[in-house]
N, C-alpha and C. Protein backbone atom coordinates (compact mmCIF):
# COMPACT_ATOMS: atom_id res chain seq x y z
N MET A 1 -20.63 -16.07 -7.73
CA MET A 1 -19.16 -16.03 -6.73
C MET A 1 -19.93 -15.12 -5.41
N LYS A 2 -18.89 -15.62 -4.50
CA LYS A 2 -19.25 -14.61 -2.92
C LYS A 2 -17.82 -14.49 -2.34
N VAL A 3 -17.68 -12.90 -1.60
CA VAL A 3 -16.05 -12.57 -1.08
C VAL A 3 -17.22 -11.99 0.31
N LEU A 4 -15.92 -13.17 1.26
CA LEU A 4 -16.29 -12.47 2.80
C LEU A 4 -15.29 -11.42 2.81
N LEU A 5 -15.86 -10.45 3.86
CA LEU A 5 -15.18 -8.96 4.26
C LEU A 5 -14.65 -9.30 5.77
N VAL A 6 -13.79 -9.05 6.00
CA VAL A 6 -13.72 -9.16 7.34
C VAL A 6 -13.48 -8.57 8.40
N ASN A 7 -14.28 -8.07 9.12
CA ASN A 7 -13.92 -6.52 9.82
C ASN A 7 -13.23 -7.42 11.25
N GLY A 8 -12.08 -6.16 11.33
CA GLY A 8 -10.71 -6.91 12.52
C GLY A 8 -10.40 -5.89 13.43
N SER A 9 -11.64 -4.37 13.41
CA SER A 9 -12.13 -3.78 14.30
C SER A 9 -12.85 -4.22 15.43
N SER A 10 -12.73 -3.41 16.83
CA SER A 10 -13.26 -3.85 18.01
C SER A 10 -14.49 -3.07 17.65
N ARG A 11 -14.78 -2.19 16.71
CA ARG A 11 -15.67 -1.60 16.84
C ARG A 11 -16.69 -1.83 15.22
N LYS A 12 -18.07 -2.17 15.79
CA LYS A 12 -18.74 -2.65 14.44
C LYS A 12 -18.55 -1.77 13.43
N LYS A 13 -19.54 -0.84 13.74
CA LYS A 13 -19.43 0.33 12.78
C LYS A 13 -18.59 1.26 13.02
N GLY A 14 -17.35 0.90 13.01
CA GLY A 14 -16.31 2.53 12.78
C GLY A 14 -15.08 2.44 11.56
N CYS A 15 -14.01 3.22 11.16
CA CYS A 15 -13.78 3.55 10.35
C CYS A 15 -13.60 2.28 9.46
N THR A 16 -13.18 1.24 10.02
CA THR A 16 -12.82 -0.09 9.00
C THR A 16 -14.08 -0.55 8.32
N ASN A 17 -15.16 -0.25 9.11
CA ASN A 17 -16.61 -0.83 8.14
C ASN A 17 -16.69 0.04 7.34
N THR A 18 -16.35 1.48 7.22
CA THR A 18 -16.72 2.24 6.33
C THR A 18 -15.83 2.19 5.00
N ALA A 19 -14.61 1.68 5.17
CA ALA A 19 -13.52 1.33 4.15
C ALA A 19 -14.47 -0.03 3.45
N LEU A 20 -15.13 -1.18 4.37
CA LEU A 20 -15.08 -2.07 3.62
C LEU A 20 -16.44 -2.20 2.73
N CYS A 21 -17.11 -1.45 3.08
CA CYS A 21 -18.59 -1.08 2.79
C CYS A 21 -18.35 -0.49 1.47
N GLU A 22 -17.13 0.39 1.35
CA GLU A 22 -17.13 1.25 -0.23
C GLU A 22 -15.94 -0.20 -1.04
N VAL A 23 -15.42 -1.35 -0.47
CA VAL A 23 -15.28 -2.02 -1.40
C VAL A 23 -16.53 -3.16 -1.95
N GLU A 24 -17.28 -3.38 -0.90
CA GLU A 24 -18.56 -3.91 -1.07
C GLU A 24 -19.13 -3.16 -2.16
N ARG A 25 -19.70 -2.17 -2.08
CA ARG A 25 -20.34 -1.13 -3.08
C ARG A 25 -20.14 -1.71 -4.27
N ALA A 26 -18.62 -1.82 -4.23
CA ALA A 26 -18.07 -2.25 -5.73
C ALA A 26 -18.54 -3.60 -6.45
N LEU A 27 -18.15 -4.56 -5.50
CA LEU A 27 -18.20 -6.11 -5.70
C LEU A 27 -20.16 -5.71 -5.95
N LEU A 28 -20.59 -5.76 -5.60
CA LEU A 28 -21.55 -5.76 -6.01
C LEU A 28 -22.48 -5.40 -6.61
N GLU A 29 -22.21 -3.82 -7.34
CA GLU A 29 -22.38 -3.67 -8.58
C GLU A 29 -22.06 -3.98 -9.53
N GLU A 30 -20.99 -5.04 -9.50
CA GLU A 30 -20.54 -6.23 -10.50
C GLU A 30 -21.49 -7.30 -10.65
N GLY A 31 -21.96 -7.54 -9.29
CA GLY A 31 -22.46 -8.84 -9.17
C GLY A 31 -22.03 -9.51 -8.32
N ILE A 32 -21.21 -9.83 -8.03
CA ILE A 32 -20.51 -10.18 -6.61
C ILE A 32 -21.47 -10.62 -5.20
N GLN A 33 -21.72 -11.50 -4.87
CA GLN A 33 -21.93 -11.83 -3.38
C GLN A 33 -21.17 -11.39 -2.55
N THR A 34 -21.91 -10.73 -1.59
CA THR A 34 -20.77 -10.39 -0.33
C THR A 34 -21.57 -10.80 0.98
N GLU A 35 -20.79 -10.82 1.88
CA GLU A 35 -21.06 -11.15 3.26
C GLU A 35 -20.06 -10.36 4.19
N GLN A 36 -20.40 -9.72 5.21
CA GLN A 36 -19.85 -9.18 6.04
C GLN A 36 -19.33 -9.89 7.34
N PHE A 37 -17.91 -10.25 7.95
CA PHE A 37 -17.60 -11.31 9.02
C PHE A 37 -16.85 -10.17 9.77
N PHE A 38 -17.89 -9.66 11.02
CA PHE A 38 -17.15 -9.12 12.48
C PHE A 38 -16.53 -9.75 13.48
N ILE A 39 -15.32 -9.84 13.81
CA ILE A 39 -14.52 -10.96 14.28
C ILE A 39 -15.36 -11.07 15.67
N GLY A 40 -15.99 -9.52 16.16
CA GLY A 40 -16.42 -9.69 17.51
C GLY A 40 -15.01 -9.14 18.56
N ASN A 41 -15.78 -8.48 19.59
CA ASN A 41 -14.95 -7.74 20.38
C ASN A 41 -14.58 -8.73 22.14
N GLU A 42 -15.32 -9.83 22.17
CA GLU A 42 -14.62 -10.66 22.98
C GLU A 42 -13.07 -10.98 22.94
N ALA A 43 -12.78 -11.43 24.40
CA ALA A 43 -11.33 -12.07 24.05
C ALA A 43 -11.35 -13.36 22.86
N LEU A 44 -10.19 -13.18 22.67
CA LEU A 44 -9.53 -14.28 21.51
C LEU A 44 -8.47 -14.86 21.96
N PRO A 45 -8.24 -16.20 21.83
CA PRO A 45 -7.02 -16.58 22.38
C PRO A 45 -6.29 -17.02 21.26
N ASP A 46 -4.88 -16.77 21.51
CA ASP A 46 -4.21 -16.90 20.83
C ASP A 46 -3.58 -18.09 20.11
N CYS A 47 -3.02 -18.80 18.94
CA CYS A 47 -2.67 -19.80 19.05
C CYS A 47 -1.67 -20.46 19.93
N ILE A 48 -1.70 -21.62 20.10
CA ILE A 48 -0.72 -22.19 21.45
C ILE A 48 0.03 -23.20 20.93
N ALA A 49 0.33 -23.51 19.48
CA ALA A 49 0.53 -24.41 18.99
C ALA A 49 0.99 -25.52 19.04
N CYS A 50 -0.32 -26.30 19.71
CA CYS A 50 -0.57 -27.69 19.92
C CYS A 50 -0.56 -28.69 18.77
N HIS A 51 -0.89 -28.05 17.29
CA HIS A 51 -1.01 -28.77 16.46
C HIS A 51 -2.09 -30.23 16.30
N LYS A 52 -3.07 -29.71 17.34
CA LYS A 52 -4.56 -30.73 17.38
C LYS A 52 -5.14 -30.10 15.93
N CYS A 53 -5.19 -29.24 15.34
CA CYS A 53 -6.26 -28.41 14.08
C CYS A 53 -5.64 -29.68 12.86
N LYS A 54 -4.26 -30.46 13.33
CA LYS A 54 -3.46 -31.40 12.09
C LYS A 54 -4.49 -32.25 11.88
N GLU A 55 -4.52 -32.76 13.27
CA GLU A 55 -5.52 -34.49 13.58
C GLU A 55 -6.58 -34.05 13.17
N SER A 56 -7.42 -32.89 13.24
CA SER A 56 -9.03 -33.18 13.43
C SER A 56 -9.59 -31.65 12.31
N GLY A 57 -8.61 -31.02 12.02
CA GLY A 57 -9.04 -30.03 10.82
C GLY A 57 -9.83 -28.71 11.53
N ASN A 58 -9.89 -28.82 12.75
CA ASN A 58 -10.20 -27.51 13.38
C ASN A 58 -9.68 -27.33 14.46
N CYS A 59 -9.18 -26.26 14.86
CA CYS A 59 -8.82 -25.32 16.03
C CYS A 59 -9.24 -25.59 17.49
N ILE A 60 -8.82 -26.20 18.29
CA ILE A 60 -9.48 -26.92 19.44
C ILE A 60 -10.25 -25.54 20.47
N PHE A 61 -10.03 -24.28 19.74
CA PHE A 61 -11.11 -23.35 20.83
C PHE A 61 -11.81 -23.11 20.14
N HIS A 62 -12.96 -23.54 20.19
CA HIS A 62 -14.43 -23.39 19.72
C HIS A 62 -14.77 -21.52 19.73
N ASP A 63 -14.61 -20.79 18.86
CA ASP A 63 -14.99 -19.74 18.82
C ASP A 63 -14.93 -19.25 17.64
N LYS A 64 -15.15 -18.37 17.08
CA LYS A 64 -15.59 -17.92 15.39
C LYS A 64 -14.54 -18.26 14.41
N VAL A 65 -13.15 -18.74 14.89
CA VAL A 65 -12.32 -18.79 14.18
C VAL A 65 -12.68 -20.24 13.03
N ASN A 66 -13.47 -21.17 13.93
CA ASN A 66 -13.61 -22.75 13.15
C ASN A 66 -14.82 -21.67 12.29
N ALA A 67 -15.84 -20.83 12.64
CA ALA A 67 -17.12 -21.04 11.49
C ALA A 67 -16.69 -20.16 10.59
N PHE A 68 -15.84 -19.20 10.92
CA PHE A 68 -15.05 -18.35 9.97
C PHE A 68 -14.32 -19.44 8.97
N VAL A 69 -13.89 -20.39 8.89
CA VAL A 69 -12.42 -21.36 7.90
C VAL A 69 -13.89 -21.97 7.33
N GLU A 70 -15.22 -22.59 8.00
CA GLU A 70 -16.09 -23.03 7.43
C GLU A 70 -16.67 -22.41 6.19
N MET A 71 -16.64 -21.11 6.44
CA MET A 71 -17.43 -20.19 5.85
C MET A 71 -16.37 -19.78 4.56
N ALA A 72 -15.22 -20.09 4.70
CA ALA A 72 -14.07 -19.28 3.63
C ALA A 72 -13.87 -20.59 2.96
N LYS A 73 -14.48 -21.79 3.28
CA LYS A 73 -14.54 -22.99 1.97
C LYS A 73 -15.02 -23.03 0.86
N SER A 74 -16.12 -22.17 1.03
CA SER A 74 -16.92 -21.91 0.09
C SER A 74 -16.85 -20.30 -0.71
N ALA A 75 -16.27 -19.80 0.27
CA ALA A 75 -16.34 -18.31 0.09
C ALA A 75 -14.80 -18.23 -1.78
N ASP A 76 -14.94 -17.01 -2.46
CA ASP A 76 -14.15 -17.40 -3.88
C ASP A 76 -13.24 -16.29 -3.91
N GLY A 77 -13.28 -15.35 -2.63
CA GLY A 77 -12.11 -14.16 -2.20
C GLY A 77 -12.86 -13.43 -1.10
N PHE A 78 -11.64 -12.68 -0.36
CA PHE A 78 -11.42 -12.23 1.00
C PHE A 78 -11.40 -10.28 1.04
N VAL A 79 -11.25 -10.20 1.94
CA VAL A 79 -11.01 -9.05 2.24
C VAL A 79 -10.90 -8.66 3.36
N PHE A 80 -9.74 -8.47 4.19
CA PHE A 80 -9.24 -8.53 5.76
C PHE A 80 -8.98 -7.06 5.87
N GLY A 81 -10.18 -6.62 7.09
CA GLY A 81 -9.88 -4.78 7.32
C GLY A 81 -9.39 -4.94 8.72
N SER A 82 -8.07 -4.20 8.81
CA SER A 82 -8.09 -3.59 10.24
C SER A 82 -7.93 -1.97 10.19
N PRO A 83 -8.32 -1.53 11.68
CA PRO A 83 -7.56 -0.55 11.93
C PRO A 83 -5.98 -0.41 12.25
N VAL A 84 -5.07 0.76 12.45
CA VAL A 84 -4.03 0.60 12.61
C VAL A 84 -3.35 1.26 14.00
N TYR A 85 -3.05 0.22 14.99
CA TYR A 85 -2.61 1.01 15.60
C TYR A 85 -1.13 0.14 16.33
N PHE A 86 -0.34 1.11 16.80
CA PHE A 86 0.97 1.49 16.59
C PHE A 86 1.70 0.84 15.76
N ALA A 87 1.40 1.19 14.14
CA ALA A 87 1.78 1.20 12.69
C ALA A 87 1.94 -0.78 12.39
N HIS A 88 0.51 -0.99 13.24
CA HIS A 88 0.45 -2.64 13.31
C HIS A 88 -1.13 -2.97 12.71
N PRO A 89 -1.16 -4.16 12.28
CA PRO A 89 -2.53 -4.46 12.20
C PRO A 89 -3.65 -4.81 13.82
N SER A 90 -4.45 -4.64 13.72
CA SER A 90 -5.17 -4.55 15.67
C SER A 90 -4.30 -6.41 15.86
N GLY A 91 -4.07 -6.59 17.04
CA GLY A 91 -4.05 -7.56 17.79
C GLY A 91 -4.92 -8.94 17.40
N ARG A 92 -6.01 -8.30 17.49
CA ARG A 92 -6.98 -9.46 17.42
C ARG A 92 -7.28 -9.88 16.05
N LEU A 93 -6.97 -9.08 14.89
CA LEU A 93 -7.12 -9.54 13.72
C LEU A 93 -6.24 -10.84 13.53
N LEU A 94 -4.90 -10.25 13.80
CA LEU A 94 -3.74 -10.84 13.62
C LEU A 94 -3.61 -12.33 14.53
N THR A 95 -4.35 -12.38 15.56
CA THR A 95 -4.42 -13.44 16.08
C THR A 95 -5.52 -14.61 15.83
N PHE A 96 -6.90 -13.93 14.98
CA PHE A 96 -7.98 -14.45 14.00
C PHE A 96 -7.11 -14.75 13.26
N MET A 97 -6.17 -14.43 12.15
CA MET A 97 -5.89 -14.89 10.96
C MET A 97 -4.26 -16.00 11.28
N ASP A 98 -3.60 -15.93 12.08
CA ASP A 98 -2.93 -16.83 12.61
C ASP A 98 -3.66 -18.22 12.63
N ARG A 99 -4.49 -17.89 13.33
CA ARG A 99 -5.47 -19.54 13.85
C ARG A 99 -5.69 -19.97 12.64
N ALA A 100 -6.90 -19.13 12.19
CA ALA A 100 -7.44 -19.64 10.57
C ALA A 100 -6.61 -19.93 9.74
N PHE A 101 -5.84 -19.04 9.50
CA PHE A 101 -4.50 -19.86 8.13
C PHE A 101 -3.55 -21.12 8.53
N TYR A 102 -3.31 -21.19 10.03
CA TYR A 102 -2.67 -22.58 10.11
C TYR A 102 -3.66 -23.54 10.40
N SER A 103 -4.80 -23.58 10.99
CA SER A 103 -5.32 -24.65 10.98
C SER A 103 -6.61 -24.98 9.47
N GLY A 104 -6.56 -23.54 8.65
CA GLY A 104 -7.75 -23.98 7.57
C GLY A 104 -7.17 -23.41 6.27
N GLY A 105 -5.93 -23.35 6.10
CA GLY A 105 -4.81 -22.81 5.19
C GLY A 105 -5.64 -23.12 3.78
N ASN A 106 -6.23 -24.72 3.67
CA ASN A 106 -6.38 -24.94 2.19
C ASN A 106 -7.90 -24.16 1.88
N ALA A 107 -8.62 -23.46 2.82
CA ALA A 107 -9.92 -22.84 2.24
C ALA A 107 -9.45 -21.29 2.06
N PHE A 108 -8.09 -21.25 1.89
CA PHE A 108 -7.62 -20.10 1.51
C PHE A 108 -7.10 -19.83 -0.01
N ALA A 109 -6.43 -21.26 0.24
CA ALA A 109 -5.63 -21.49 -1.18
C ALA A 109 -5.49 -20.86 -2.69
N PHE A 110 -5.36 -20.00 -3.22
CA PHE A 110 -5.69 -19.88 -4.60
C PHE A 110 -7.07 -18.72 -4.93
N LYS A 111 -7.44 -18.38 -3.87
CA LYS A 111 -8.44 -17.26 -3.89
C LYS A 111 -7.72 -15.67 -3.97
N PRO A 112 -8.47 -14.75 -4.40
CA PRO A 112 -7.89 -13.64 -4.45
C PRO A 112 -8.03 -12.63 -3.19
N ALA A 113 -7.27 -12.17 -3.08
CA ALA A 113 -7.48 -11.21 -1.28
C ALA A 113 -7.01 -10.28 -1.53
N ALA A 114 -7.73 -9.17 -0.26
CA ALA A 114 -6.65 -7.90 -0.50
C ALA A 114 -7.00 -7.45 1.22
N ALA A 115 -5.81 -6.77 1.41
CA ALA A 115 -6.34 -5.51 2.61
C ALA A 115 -6.36 -4.79 3.24
N VAL A 116 -7.31 -3.93 3.86
CA VAL A 116 -7.61 -2.85 4.04
C VAL A 116 -7.13 -2.10 5.08
N LEU A 117 -6.75 -1.14 5.28
CA LEU A 117 -6.34 -0.36 6.54
C LEU A 117 -6.78 0.98 6.65
N SER A 118 -7.21 1.28 8.16
CA SER A 118 -8.04 2.59 8.24
C SER A 118 -6.80 3.17 9.66
N ALA A 119 -6.49 4.63 9.34
CA ALA A 119 -5.43 4.96 10.07
C ALA A 119 -5.98 6.29 10.41
N ARG A 120 -6.08 6.99 11.96
CA ARG A 120 -5.74 8.87 11.81
C ARG A 120 -4.77 9.43 10.86
N ARG A 121 -3.63 8.79 11.01
CA ARG A 121 -2.66 9.16 9.82
C ARG A 121 -1.45 8.30 9.41
N ALA A 122 -0.66 7.68 10.14
CA ALA A 122 0.55 6.60 9.59
C ALA A 122 0.45 5.06 10.27
N GLY A 123 0.89 4.84 9.40
CA GLY A 123 1.45 3.18 9.80
C GLY A 123 0.47 2.35 8.92
N THR A 124 0.17 2.78 8.06
CA THR A 124 -0.90 1.47 7.30
C THR A 124 0.00 1.07 6.17
N THR A 125 0.80 1.90 5.60
CA THR A 125 1.60 0.85 4.47
C THR A 125 2.43 -0.46 5.74
N ALA A 126 3.00 -0.30 6.33
CA ALA A 126 3.46 -1.29 7.57
C ALA A 126 2.57 -2.23 7.62
N SER A 127 1.00 -1.85 7.88
CA SER A 127 0.01 -2.83 8.28
C SER A 127 -0.23 -3.89 7.32
N PHE A 128 -0.58 -2.87 6.12
CA PHE A 128 -0.62 -3.94 4.72
C PHE A 128 0.42 -4.75 4.30
N ASP A 129 1.32 -4.68 4.68
CA ASP A 129 2.41 -5.28 4.43
C ASP A 129 2.45 -6.78 5.51
N VAL A 130 2.09 -6.37 6.75
CA VAL A 130 1.47 -7.85 7.51
C VAL A 130 0.81 -8.62 7.02
N ILE A 131 -0.08 -8.00 6.97
CA ILE A 131 -1.64 -8.84 6.38
C ILE A 131 -1.07 -9.55 4.76
N ASN A 132 -0.55 -8.88 4.21
CA ASN A 132 -0.57 -9.62 2.98
C ASN A 132 0.51 -10.47 2.72
N LYS A 133 1.37 -10.51 4.31
CA LYS A 133 2.13 -11.88 4.07
C LYS A 133 0.80 -13.22 4.04
N TYR A 134 0.23 -13.31 5.09
CA TYR A 134 -0.54 -14.19 5.18
C TYR A 134 -0.87 -14.50 3.84
N PHE A 135 -1.42 -13.49 2.63
CA PHE A 135 -1.98 -14.28 1.49
C PHE A 135 -0.66 -15.32 0.84
N THR A 136 0.21 -14.43 0.68
CA THR A 136 1.40 -15.02 -0.28
C THR A 136 1.66 -16.11 0.13
N ILE A 137 1.74 -16.16 1.45
CA ILE A 137 2.49 -17.65 2.00
C ILE A 137 1.47 -18.94 1.76
N CYS A 138 0.11 -18.47 1.56
CA CYS A 138 -0.92 -19.41 0.86
C CYS A 138 -1.74 -19.42 -0.39
N SER A 139 -0.83 -18.99 -1.11
CA SER A 139 -0.75 -18.95 -3.10
C SER A 139 -1.77 -18.08 -3.13
N MET A 140 -2.25 -17.06 -2.56
CA MET A 140 -3.34 -16.19 -2.90
C MET A 140 -3.01 -15.14 -3.43
N PRO A 141 -3.71 -14.69 -4.80
CA PRO A 141 -3.58 -13.70 -5.46
C PRO A 141 -3.85 -12.64 -4.48
N VAL A 142 -3.04 -11.75 -4.90
CA VAL A 142 -3.25 -10.32 -4.03
C VAL A 142 -4.12 -9.41 -4.76
N VAL A 143 -4.81 -8.87 -4.55
CA VAL A 143 -6.12 -7.92 -5.81
C VAL A 143 -5.06 -6.12 -4.67
N SER A 144 -4.74 -5.42 -5.87
CA SER A 144 -3.96 -4.61 -5.59
C SER A 144 -5.33 -3.34 -6.11
N SER A 145 -4.96 -2.35 -5.66
CA SER A 145 -5.82 -0.72 -6.31
C SER A 145 -4.86 -0.07 -7.14
N THR A 146 -5.42 1.44 -6.81
CA THR A 146 -4.83 2.47 -7.46
C THR A 146 -3.88 3.41 -6.95
N TYR A 147 -3.99 3.07 -5.72
CA TYR A 147 -3.20 3.60 -4.46
C TYR A 147 -2.86 2.62 -3.11
N TRP A 148 -2.22 2.95 -1.78
CA TRP A 148 -2.31 2.31 -0.78
C TRP A 148 -3.53 1.81 -0.58
N ASN A 149 -3.87 0.63 -0.06
CA ASN A 149 -5.32 0.40 0.27
C ASN A 149 -5.76 0.66 1.98
N HIS A 150 -5.39 2.01 2.11
CA HIS A 150 -6.23 2.65 3.21
C HIS A 150 -7.14 3.71 3.20
N VAL A 151 -7.60 4.13 4.01
CA VAL A 151 -8.19 5.27 4.42
C VAL A 151 -7.90 6.36 5.90
N TYR A 152 -7.94 7.03 5.67
CA TYR A 152 -7.54 8.20 6.69
C TYR A 152 -8.86 8.79 7.40
N GLY A 153 -8.72 8.54 8.63
CA GLY A 153 -10.06 9.47 9.73
C GLY A 153 -9.87 8.85 11.18
N GLN A 154 -10.48 9.44 11.96
CA GLN A 154 -10.24 9.25 13.37
C GLN A 154 -11.74 8.14 13.44
N GLN A 155 -12.89 8.91 12.91
CA GLN A 155 -14.09 8.82 12.74
C GLN A 155 -15.04 8.40 11.48
N PRO A 156 -15.68 7.43 11.76
CA PRO A 156 -16.24 7.26 10.32
C PRO A 156 -16.88 8.27 9.24
N GLN A 157 -17.20 9.45 10.19
CA GLN A 157 -17.44 10.57 9.50
C GLN A 157 -16.34 11.42 8.40
N GLU A 158 -15.28 11.10 9.40
CA GLU A 158 -14.05 11.54 8.51
C GLU A 158 -13.64 10.72 7.57
N VAL A 159 -13.41 9.32 7.51
CA VAL A 159 -13.34 8.23 6.54
C VAL A 159 -14.07 9.06 5.05
N GLN A 160 -15.24 9.43 5.35
CA GLN A 160 -16.28 9.57 4.19
C GLN A 160 -15.68 10.77 3.61
N THR A 161 -15.28 12.05 4.00
CA THR A 161 -14.45 13.17 3.45
C THR A 161 -13.09 12.54 2.75
N ASP A 162 -12.70 11.64 2.81
CA ASP A 162 -11.45 10.97 2.07
C ASP A 162 -11.65 10.45 0.78
N LYS A 163 -11.95 11.45 -0.07
CA LYS A 163 -12.72 10.87 -1.26
C LYS A 163 -11.35 10.01 -2.10
N GLU A 164 -9.87 10.19 -2.44
CA GLU A 164 -9.04 9.91 -2.65
C GLU A 164 -9.07 7.86 -1.99
N GLY A 165 -9.25 7.86 -0.41
CA GLY A 165 -8.80 6.65 0.36
C GLY A 165 -10.70 5.69 -0.60
N LEU A 166 -11.65 6.37 -0.20
CA LEU A 166 -12.83 5.86 -0.72
C LEU A 166 -12.62 5.42 -2.42
N MET A 167 -11.89 6.39 -2.96
CA MET A 167 -11.56 6.07 -4.43
C MET A 167 -10.94 4.56 -4.58
N THR A 168 -10.04 5.14 -3.16
CA THR A 168 -9.16 3.63 -3.72
C THR A 168 -9.59 1.76 -3.26
N MET A 169 -10.57 2.42 -2.18
CA MET A 169 -11.71 0.91 -1.75
C MET A 169 -12.43 0.51 -2.95
N TYR A 170 -13.11 1.52 -3.58
CA TYR A 170 -14.27 1.36 -4.73
C TYR A 170 -13.46 0.30 -5.81
N ASN A 171 -12.17 0.89 -6.03
CA ASN A 171 -11.17 0.16 -6.88
C ASN A 171 -10.61 -0.82 -6.73
N ILE A 172 -10.76 -1.53 -5.21
CA ILE A 172 -9.92 -2.73 -4.97
C ILE A 172 -11.56 -3.91 -5.30
N GLY A 173 -12.70 -3.14 -5.13
CA GLY A 173 -13.94 -4.09 -5.16
C GLY A 173 -14.38 -4.51 -6.86
N LYS A 174 -13.55 -3.53 -7.63
CA LYS A 174 -13.58 -3.60 -8.89
C LYS A 174 -12.37 -4.24 -9.59
N ASN A 175 -11.83 -4.50 -9.25
CA ASN A 175 -10.84 -5.12 -9.45
C ASN A 175 -10.50 -6.33 -8.67
N MET A 176 -11.17 -6.66 -7.67
CA MET A 176 -11.05 -7.93 -7.20
C MET A 176 -12.31 -9.25 -8.04
N ALA A 177 -13.58 -7.96 -8.73
CA ALA A 177 -14.49 -8.62 -8.91
C ALA A 177 -13.68 -9.24 -10.85
N TRP A 178 -12.98 -7.98 -11.51
CA TRP A 178 -12.72 -8.45 -12.53
C TRP A 178 -11.25 -9.83 -12.42
N MET A 179 -10.94 -10.04 -11.11
CA MET A 179 -9.92 -11.02 -11.31
C MET A 179 -10.88 -12.61 -10.81
N LEU A 180 -12.20 -12.19 -9.78
CA LEU A 180 -12.61 -13.48 -9.39
C LEU A 180 -13.22 -14.27 -10.97
N LYS A 181 -13.65 -13.05 -12.16
CA LYS A 181 -14.58 -13.57 -13.45
C LYS A 181 -13.70 -13.69 -13.80
N CYS A 182 -12.26 -13.65 -14.47
CA CYS A 182 -10.85 -13.94 -14.99
C CYS A 182 -11.02 -15.64 -14.40
N ILE A 183 -10.46 -15.86 -13.18
CA ILE A 183 -10.47 -17.46 -12.81
C ILE A 183 -11.89 -17.95 -12.90
N ASP A 184 -12.76 -17.06 -12.67
CA ASP A 184 -13.94 -18.66 -13.32
C ASP A 184 -14.17 -18.50 -14.37
N PHE A 185 -13.82 -17.80 -15.61
CA PHE A 185 -13.78 -18.03 -16.91
C PHE A 185 -12.41 -19.53 -17.18
N GLY A 186 -11.48 -19.09 -16.45
CA GLY A 186 -10.26 -20.18 -16.73
C GLY A 186 -10.70 -21.71 -16.05
N LYS A 187 -11.32 -21.57 -15.06
CA LYS A 187 -11.68 -22.89 -14.79
C LYS A 187 -12.94 -23.69 -15.56
N ARG A 188 -14.12 -23.02 -16.43
CA ARG A 188 -14.81 -23.31 -16.95
C ARG A 188 -14.51 -23.60 -18.27
N ASN A 189 -12.94 -23.11 -18.72
CA ASN A 189 -12.54 -23.49 -19.84
C ASN A 189 -11.19 -24.58 -19.89
N GLY A 190 -11.21 -24.99 -18.52
CA GLY A 190 -10.11 -26.13 -18.25
C GLY A 190 -8.81 -25.92 -17.57
N LEU A 191 -8.72 -25.03 -16.95
CA LEU A 191 -7.44 -24.28 -16.75
C LEU A 191 -7.62 -24.16 -15.01
N ASN A 192 -7.20 -24.76 -14.45
CA ASN A 192 -7.14 -25.46 -12.91
C ASN A 192 -5.97 -24.87 -12.56
N HIS A 193 -5.70 -24.35 -10.94
CA HIS A 193 -4.59 -23.66 -10.32
C HIS A 193 -3.79 -24.85 -10.31
N PRO A 194 -2.02 -24.52 -10.51
CA PRO A 194 -1.22 -25.53 -10.40
C PRO A 194 -1.28 -26.31 -8.94
N GLU A 195 -0.71 -27.43 -8.77
CA GLU A 195 -0.43 -28.45 -7.87
C GLU A 195 0.97 -28.11 -7.12
N ASN A 196 1.19 -27.19 -5.94
CA ASN A 196 2.24 -26.89 -5.62
C ASN A 196 3.06 -28.00 -4.69
N GLN A 197 4.07 -27.43 -5.15
CA GLN A 197 5.34 -28.67 -4.03
C GLN A 197 5.62 -28.18 -3.05
N LYS A 198 5.60 -29.18 -1.77
CA LYS A 198 5.89 -28.52 -0.05
C LYS A 198 7.13 -29.34 -0.19
N VAL A 199 7.84 -28.23 0.21
CA VAL A 199 9.24 -28.89 1.32
C VAL A 199 9.41 -28.00 2.30
N LEU A 200 9.82 -28.37 3.33
CA LEU A 200 9.86 -27.99 4.28
C LEU A 200 11.41 -28.00 5.15
N THR A 201 12.38 -26.91 5.11
CA THR A 201 13.94 -27.15 5.89
C THR A 201 13.75 -25.91 7.30
N ASN A 202 14.80 -26.51 7.51
CA ASN A 202 15.26 -24.89 8.29
C ASN A 202 16.62 -24.77 7.97
N PHE A 203 17.32 -23.79 9.34
CA PHE A 203 18.62 -23.45 8.69
C PHE A 203 19.75 -23.71 9.68
N ILE A 204 19.87 -25.19 10.43
CA ILE A 204 20.25 -25.91 11.13
C ILE A 204 20.86 -26.60 10.49
N ARG A 205 22.10 -26.54 10.29
CA ARG A 205 22.86 -27.74 9.55
C ARG A 205 23.77 -28.45 10.40
């Protein structure tokens, strides 16, 4: 079993990475393979609603999004991490997730996921809510912890002093490992995920 940990910060070794590493530590203790995926700090084009991905299965922009979706197909779980900007996740992470989930939603369905946030002071719960919506739209079990999934600090060394925040990260890893093992046990005993219906409507009558 393998979990992809996505760093949605512009800083590869910043506060978000510190939080993700603590989740990763718990996963590794439970025998779960991990891989960190840094989105990077180069410009990312937003989704342009061309719908070409519905024809080819890939986004028309050839960057890290398509590479990540390919990796996601063989992954069993995900952790998406972001710093908080103006009580919101980073714009680059949301652009990345918009395109990845729209072009490759089937790669994420029924796989556990968690959102992880880092902030100097506030805005974490609003950001937490935004990221979780991607999971619930794609039938992904949301992994909880023992408090809100965030750490505090303006620099990585400050995050290291947030003992409750780090405990929360560690417990995310433990809870995700448990959920992954339960899902694997079910699959090995003939219990597969449901086949969901899909009906699209709008509010124009």
